[in-house]
Amino acid sequence: MHEMECRVLSIQSHVVRGYVGNKSASFPLQVLGFEVDSINSVQFSNHTGYSHWKGQVLTADELHVLYEGIKLNNVHHYDYVLTGYTRDTSFLEMVVDIIQELKRANPNLVYVCDPVLGDHGSMYVPQNLHPVYKNKVVPVADIITPNQFEAELLTGKNISTEKDAVEVMDLLHKMGPDTVVITSSDLPSHLGDRFLVSLGSQRTMMPDGTRSTQRVRMEIPKVDAVFVGTGDLFAAMLLAWTHHYPNDLKTACEKTFSVMHHVIQRTISYAHELAGPGRRPSPPQLELRMVQSKADIEDPAIVMEATVLTL
């Protein structure tokens, strides 16, 4: 008997050099045994944190053409869809149409969405994407990974306490997704100001038809560097580890955050080595050390512990 393959459609950006979007997601998912079909929402020479970049942007019509090709060959059967950064409303609406069609074909399909809107109080995508995410994307998503700013924007509620964060996650559940992870927040950490707080919440349907909710909190060490592609890697790892631990958000988060820690530590060590003493690493030096982290992706040593919240 063949083991059932798990197939992911990843609609994300692509760079020739480095690890962002599809390259941040595909390699780790493939290492963990997932079949990944990638559609490149943009194709750039490198990420936009460099001084220069060149490339092309896929339009909604071009996305539709690619999807039609997959459909004509009857190979549009997916277990997961994964999406990240996009700047265009018509493209995002086309993604929603595709997901709705794929969910009709497979009602068990899980859509993992990183709702990239902005951070630290300001948006870095056009304003008109906000209502599309809020009213169309989040309602069809099963797992979402907003930061605090994005979670606040989607719900219209500010987070200044842990109780606020739990209420925001409950509001997001009501909008659609059963799993919500607020990847970073400004809440004070129990471990001091060198740590940031992440929170997660998962609704599970019990055999008797009632819903149970598990909520977790994690303290994450801060790193003094700007990485690009970490959000894409995070969403991919959460997809993988919630697949392996579908009703155990605590373990899925511990695995996911531990992978992130290993990749980031390896990257920062290498970047400082290249930059030399007292010099800040450059964007090329801070490209994620993905291939070198293969063993950690496959079987991460657990270095991040989640606390289950009892409210």
Protein backbone atom coordinates (compact mmCIF):
# COMPACT_ATOMS: atom_id res chain seq x y z
CA MET A 1 0.00 0.00 0.00
CA HIS A 2 1.40 3.38 -1.02
CA GLU A 3 1.43 6.13 1.58
CA MET A 4 -0.90 8.93 0.53
CA GLU A 5 1.04 11.89 -0.83
CA CYS A 6 0.28 15.26 0.67
CA ARG A 7 0.17 17.93 -2.02
CA VAL A 8 0.58 21.66 -1.46
CA LEU A 9 -0.16 24.51 -3.88
CA SER A 10 2.09 27.42 -2.88
CA ILE A 11 1.22 30.79 -4.45
CA GLN A 12 4.02 33.12 -3.38
CA SER A 13 6.82 35.35 -4.60
CA HIS A 14 9.98 33.90 -6.14
CA VAL A 15 13.54 35.21 -6.14
CA VAL A 16 16.47 33.98 -8.20
CA ARG A 17 18.94 34.70 -5.39
CA GLY A 18 18.14 33.88 -1.76
CA TYR A 19 15.20 32.50 0.17
CA VAL A 20 11.88 34.32 0.06
CA GLY A 21 8.33 33.19 -0.71
CA ASN A 22 8.21 29.91 -2.61
CA LYS A 23 11.89 29.17 -2.02
CA SER A 24 11.45 29.69 1.75
CA ALA A 25 8.44 27.36 1.73
CA SER A 26 9.12 24.70 -0.91
CA PHE A 27 12.48 23.32 0.24
CA PRO A 28 11.48 22.77 3.90
CA LEU A 29 8.10 21.29 2.92
CA GLN A 30 9.76 18.93 0.42
CA VAL A 31 12.32 17.90 3.05
CA LEU A 32 9.36 16.97 5.28
CA GLY A 33 7.79 14.83 2.53
CA PHE A 34 5.22 17.19 0.98
CA GLU A 35 4.78 17.47 -2.79
CA VAL A 36 4.82 21.19 -3.60
CA ASP A 37 3.45 22.84 -6.75
CA SER A 38 4.58 26.48 -6.91
CA ILE A 39 3.03 29.45 -8.68
CA ASN A 40 5.28 32.51 -8.56
CA SER A 41 3.24 35.64 -7.81
CA VAL A 42 6.35 37.67 -8.65
CA GLN A 43 9.68 36.66 -10.15
CA PHE A 44 12.45 38.95 -8.96
CA SER A 45 16.23 38.80 -9.18
CA ASN A 46 16.38 39.08 -5.35
CA HIS A 47 14.26 40.41 -2.48
CA THR A 48 13.52 44.11 -2.22
CA GLY A 49 15.78 44.66 0.80
CA TYR A 50 18.74 44.84 -1.61
CA SER A 51 19.74 48.15 -3.23
CA HIS A 52 18.50 46.92 -6.65
CA TRP A 53 16.01 44.38 -7.93
CA LYS A 54 14.52 43.52 -11.31
CA GLY A 55 11.74 41.22 -12.39
CA GLN A 56 8.14 40.55 -13.31
CA VAL A 57 4.81 40.52 -11.49
CA LEU A 58 2.16 37.87 -12.29
CA THR A 59 -1.27 39.36 -13.04
CA ALA A 60 -4.60 37.88 -11.95
CA ASP A 61 -5.29 36.85 -15.58
CA GLU A 62 -1.91 35.09 -15.83
CA LEU A 63 -2.62 33.28 -12.54
CA HIS A 64 -5.98 32.16 -13.94
CA VAL A 65 -4.29 30.83 -17.13
CA LEU A 66 -1.82 28.76 -15.07
CA TYR A 67 -4.60 27.37 -12.89
CA GLU A 68 -6.72 26.51 -15.97
CA GLY A 69 -3.75 24.52 -17.34
CA ILE A 70 -3.51 22.51 -14.12
CA LYS A 71 -7.28 21.96 -14.17
CA LEU A 72 -7.43 20.83 -17.82
CA ASN A 73 -5.01 18.03 -16.98
CA ASN A 74 -7.10 17.10 -13.94
CA VAL A 75 -4.15 17.52 -11.57
CA HIS A 76 -5.75 20.20 -9.37
CA HIS A 77 -6.23 17.97 -6.32
CA TYR A 78 -4.58 19.58 -3.30
CA ASP A 79 -4.51 18.95 0.44
CA TYR A 80 -3.11 22.41 1.27
CA VAL A 81 -2.86 25.87 -0.26
CA LEU A 82 -0.25 28.29 1.08
CA THR A 83 -0.15 32.02 0.28
CA GLY A 84 1.98 34.98 1.39
CA TYR A 85 2.81 38.49 0.24
CA THR A 86 0.86 40.09 -2.59
CA ARG A 87 0.24 43.74 -3.54
CA ASP A 88 -2.67 43.44 -5.95
CA THR A 89 -6.37 43.17 -5.06
CA SER A 90 -7.46 41.46 -8.30
CA PHE A 91 -4.69 38.85 -7.83
CA LEU A 92 -5.82 38.23 -4.23
CA GLU A 93 -9.46 37.91 -5.31
CA MET A 94 -8.42 35.39 -7.99
CA VAL A 95 -6.58 33.40 -5.28
CA VAL A 96 -9.81 33.31 -3.25
CA ASP A 97 -11.79 32.08 -6.30
CA ILE A 98 -9.23 29.30 -6.85
CA ILE A 99 -9.31 28.25 -3.18
CA GLN A 100 -13.12 28.14 -3.14
CA GLU A 101 -13.07 25.91 -6.24
CA LEU A 102 -10.37 23.64 -4.77
CA LYS A 103 -12.37 23.37 -1.52
CA ARG A 104 -15.45 22.29 -3.47
CA ALA A 105 -13.34 19.51 -5.00
CA ASN A 106 -11.77 18.61 -1.63
CA PRO A 107 -13.76 19.83 1.40
CA ASN A 108 -10.85 18.75 3.65
CA LEU A 109 -8.40 21.11 1.94
CA VAL A 110 -6.57 23.34 4.45
CA TYR A 111 -5.73 26.90 3.42
CA VAL A 112 -2.76 28.41 5.26
CA CYS A 113 -2.60 32.19 4.89
CA ASP A 114 0.03 34.66 6.01
CA PRO A 115 -2.04 37.88 5.76
CA VAL A 116 0.83 40.22 4.93
CA LEU A 117 -0.42 43.76 5.54
CA GLY A 118 2.29 45.51 7.57
CA ASP A 119 4.04 45.71 10.92
CA HIS A 120 4.88 48.11 13.76
CA GLY A 121 1.83 50.27 13.14
CA SER A 122 2.15 50.86 9.39
CA MET A 123 0.96 49.09 6.27
CA TYR A 124 3.42 48.04 3.59
CA VAL A 125 0.86 46.96 1.04
CA PRO A 126 -1.79 49.21 -0.61
CA GLN A 127 -4.69 50.12 1.73
CA ASN A 128 -7.26 48.53 -0.58
CA LEU A 129 -5.93 45.03 0.24
CA HIS A 130 -7.18 45.34 3.83
CA PRO A 131 -10.93 44.84 3.08
CA VAL A 132 -10.13 41.98 0.66
CA TYR A 133 -8.19 40.13 3.37
CA LYS A 134 -10.83 40.89 6.01
CA ASN A 135 -13.96 40.09 4.01
CA LYS A 136 -12.80 37.48 1.47
CA VAL A 137 -9.46 35.86 2.36
CA VAL A 138 -9.70 35.28 6.13
CA PRO A 139 -13.21 33.72 5.87
CA VAL A 140 -11.86 30.94 3.57
CA ALA A 141 -8.61 30.44 5.55
CA ASP A 142 -8.13 27.55 8.00
CA ILE A 143 -4.79 28.63 9.48
CA ILE A 144 -3.58 32.25 9.65
CA THR A 145 -0.28 33.70 10.88
CA PRO A 146 -0.70 37.46 11.42
CA ASN A 147 1.63 39.59 13.50
CA GLN A 148 0.04 41.80 16.20
CA PHE A 149 -0.52 44.75 13.84
CA GLU A 150 -2.19 42.52 11.21
CA ALA A 151 -4.39 40.80 13.83
CA GLU A 152 -5.48 44.22 15.15
CA LEU A 153 -6.16 45.50 11.63
CA LEU A 154 -8.26 42.45 10.70
CA THR A 155 -10.40 42.59 13.87
CA GLY A 156 -10.44 46.33 14.60
CA LYS A 157 -9.37 45.62 18.19
CA ASN A 158 -6.13 46.72 19.88
CA ILE A 159 -3.94 44.33 21.86
CA SER A 160 -2.38 45.67 25.03
CA THR A 161 -2.83 42.65 27.33
CA GLU A 162 -2.81 38.88 26.99
CA LYS A 163 -6.59 38.95 27.54
CA ASP A 164 -6.92 41.34 24.54
CA ALA A 165 -4.84 38.94 22.42
CA VAL A 166 -7.09 36.00 23.35
CA GLU A 167 -10.18 38.09 22.45
CA VAL A 168 -8.60 39.04 19.10
CA MET A 169 -7.83 35.38 18.34
CA ASP A 170 -11.44 34.46 19.24
CA LEU A 171 -12.69 37.19 16.87
CA LEU A 172 -10.45 35.76 14.13
CA HIS A 173 -11.88 32.28 14.82
CA LYS A 174 -15.38 33.73 14.35
CA MET A 175 -14.27 35.11 10.97
CA GLY A 176 -13.28 31.62 9.76
CA PRO A 177 -9.87 30.12 10.68
CA ASP A 178 -9.71 27.34 13.28
CA THR A 179 -6.00 27.97 13.93
CA VAL A 180 -4.57 31.42 14.61
CA VAL A 181 -0.96 32.16 15.54
CA ILE A 182 0.01 35.75 16.33
CA THR A 183 3.65 35.39 15.34
CA SER A 184 4.95 38.40 17.29
CA SER A 185 3.51 40.95 19.68
CA ASP A 186 4.53 43.91 21.82
CA LEU A 187 3.27 42.26 25.00
CA PRO A 188 5.83 42.18 27.82
CA SER A 189 7.67 38.87 28.12
CA HIS A 190 8.00 37.03 31.44
CA LEU A 191 11.67 36.58 30.51
CA GLY A 192 12.47 40.27 30.08
CA ASP A 193 12.86 42.75 27.22
CA ARG A 194 15.17 40.51 25.16
CA PHE A 195 12.19 38.28 24.35
CA LEU A 196 8.97 38.83 22.42
CA VAL A 197 5.67 37.07 22.94
CA SER A 198 3.81 34.92 20.42
CA LEU A 199 0.33 33.51 21.02
CA GLY A 200 -1.68 30.77 19.34
CA SER A 201 -5.23 29.48 19.48
CA GLN A 202 -6.78 26.37 17.93
CA ARG A 203 -10.44 25.38 17.82
CA THR A 204 -11.09 21.65 17.57
CA MET A 205 -14.40 19.92 16.95
CA MET A 206 -14.96 17.22 19.57
CA PRO A 207 -16.64 13.87 18.75
CA ASP A 208 -19.83 15.03 20.52
CA GLY A 209 -20.04 18.11 18.26
CA THR A 210 -18.84 20.66 20.81
CA ARG A 211 -15.79 22.87 20.21
CA SER A 212 -12.69 22.85 22.35
CA THR A 213 -10.07 25.64 22.20
CA GLN A 214 -6.39 25.27 23.08
CA ARG A 215 -4.43 28.48 23.56
CA VAL A 216 -0.65 28.71 23.91
CA ARG A 217 1.95 31.37 24.63
CA MET A 218 5.62 31.36 23.68
CA GLU A 219 8.55 33.59 24.63
CA ILE A 220 10.83 34.09 21.60
CA PRO A 221 14.39 35.49 21.81
CA LYS A 222 14.79 38.76 19.87
CA VAL A 223 17.49 38.93 17.19
CA ASP A 224 19.19 42.20 16.25
CA ALA A 225 19.00 41.78 12.47
CA VAL A 226 16.49 42.08 9.64
CA PHE A 227 15.72 38.81 7.88
CA VAL A 228 13.58 38.43 4.79
CA GLY A 229 11.68 35.19 4.18
CA THR A 230 11.17 34.20 7.82
CA GLY A 231 7.39 34.73 7.63
CA ASP A 232 7.19 32.43 4.60
CA LEU A 233 9.27 29.77 6.37
CA PHE A 234 7.13 30.11 9.51
CA ALA A 235 3.82 29.60 7.64
CA ALA A 236 5.26 26.57 5.79
CA MET A 237 6.53 24.99 9.02
CA LEU A 238 3.23 25.60 10.80
CA LEU A 239 1.49 23.90 7.85
CA ALA A 240 3.82 20.89 8.18
CA TRP A 241 3.72 20.52 11.96
CA THR A 242 -0.06 21.05 12.28
CA HIS A 243 -0.37 18.31 9.64
CA HIS A 244 1.64 15.95 11.85
CA TYR A 245 -0.02 17.16 15.10
CA PRO A 246 -3.50 18.22 13.96
CA ASN A 247 -5.03 18.59 17.43
CA ASP A 248 -1.93 19.60 19.36
CA LEU A 249 -1.11 23.26 18.76
CA LYS A 250 1.42 23.26 21.63
CA THR A 251 3.65 20.66 19.93
CA ALA A 252 3.12 22.13 16.44
CA CYS A 253 4.21 25.57 17.71
CA GLU A 254 7.20 24.18 19.63
CA LYS A 255 8.41 22.39 16.49
CA THR A 256 7.75 25.41 14.25
CA PHE A 257 9.41 27.99 16.50
CA SER A 258 12.35 25.63 17.16
CA VAL A 259 13.00 25.30 13.41
CA MET A 260 12.88 29.09 13.13
CA HIS A 261 15.35 29.45 16.00
CA HIS A 262 17.84 26.98 14.46
CA VAL A 263 17.67 28.57 10.98
CA ILE A 264 17.98 32.13 12.33
CA GLN A 265 20.87 31.28 14.67
CA ARG A 266 22.76 29.53 11.89
CA THR A 267 22.10 32.49 9.57
CA ILE A 268 23.18 35.17 12.07
CA SER A 269 26.37 33.29 13.02
CA TYR A 270 27.32 32.91 9.37
CA ALA A 271 26.44 36.56 8.58
CA HIS A 272 28.61 37.89 11.43
CA GLU A 273 31.46 35.63 10.33
CA LEU A 274 31.25 37.04 6.79
CA ALA A 275 30.80 40.67 7.89
CA GLY A 276 33.73 40.66 10.30
CA PRO A 277 34.02 42.12 13.80
CA GLY A 278 31.96 45.24 14.53
CA ARG A 279 30.31 45.38 11.07
CA ARG A 280 26.59 45.01 10.41
CA PRO A 281 25.84 42.14 8.01
CA SER A 282 24.47 43.13 4.57
CA PRO A 283 21.29 41.72 2.95
CA PRO A 284 23.22 39.10 0.92
CA GLN A 285 24.99 37.92 4.08
CA LEU A 286 21.65 37.61 5.91
CA GLU A 287 20.03 35.29 3.35
CA LEU A 288 18.55 32.36 5.30
CA ARG A 289 20.84 29.33 5.63
CA MET A 290 18.12 26.97 4.50
CA VAL A 291 20.01 24.09 2.88
CA GLN A 292 22.52 24.07 5.73
CA SER A 293 19.57 23.69 8.16
CA LYS A 294 18.10 20.59 6.50
CA ALA A 295 18.64 18.34 9.55
CA ASP A 296 17.02 20.90 11.87
CA ILE A 297 14.03 21.23 9.54
CA GLU A 298 13.54 17.45 9.45
CA ASP A 299 13.92 16.85 13.18
CA PRO A 300 14.26 20.05 15.21
CA ALA A 301 15.73 19.87 18.70
CA ILE A 302 12.99 21.51 20.80
CA VAL A 303 14.46 24.72 22.19
CA MET A 304 11.18 26.67 22.44
CA GLU A 305 8.57 25.58 24.97
CA ALA A 306 4.94 26.67 24.75
CA THR A 307 2.80 27.36 27.82
CA VAL A 308 -0.83 26.32 27.63
CA LEU A 309 -3.02 29.23 28.76
CA THR A 310 -5.78 28.48 31.23
CA LEU A 311 -8.39 31.21 31.17
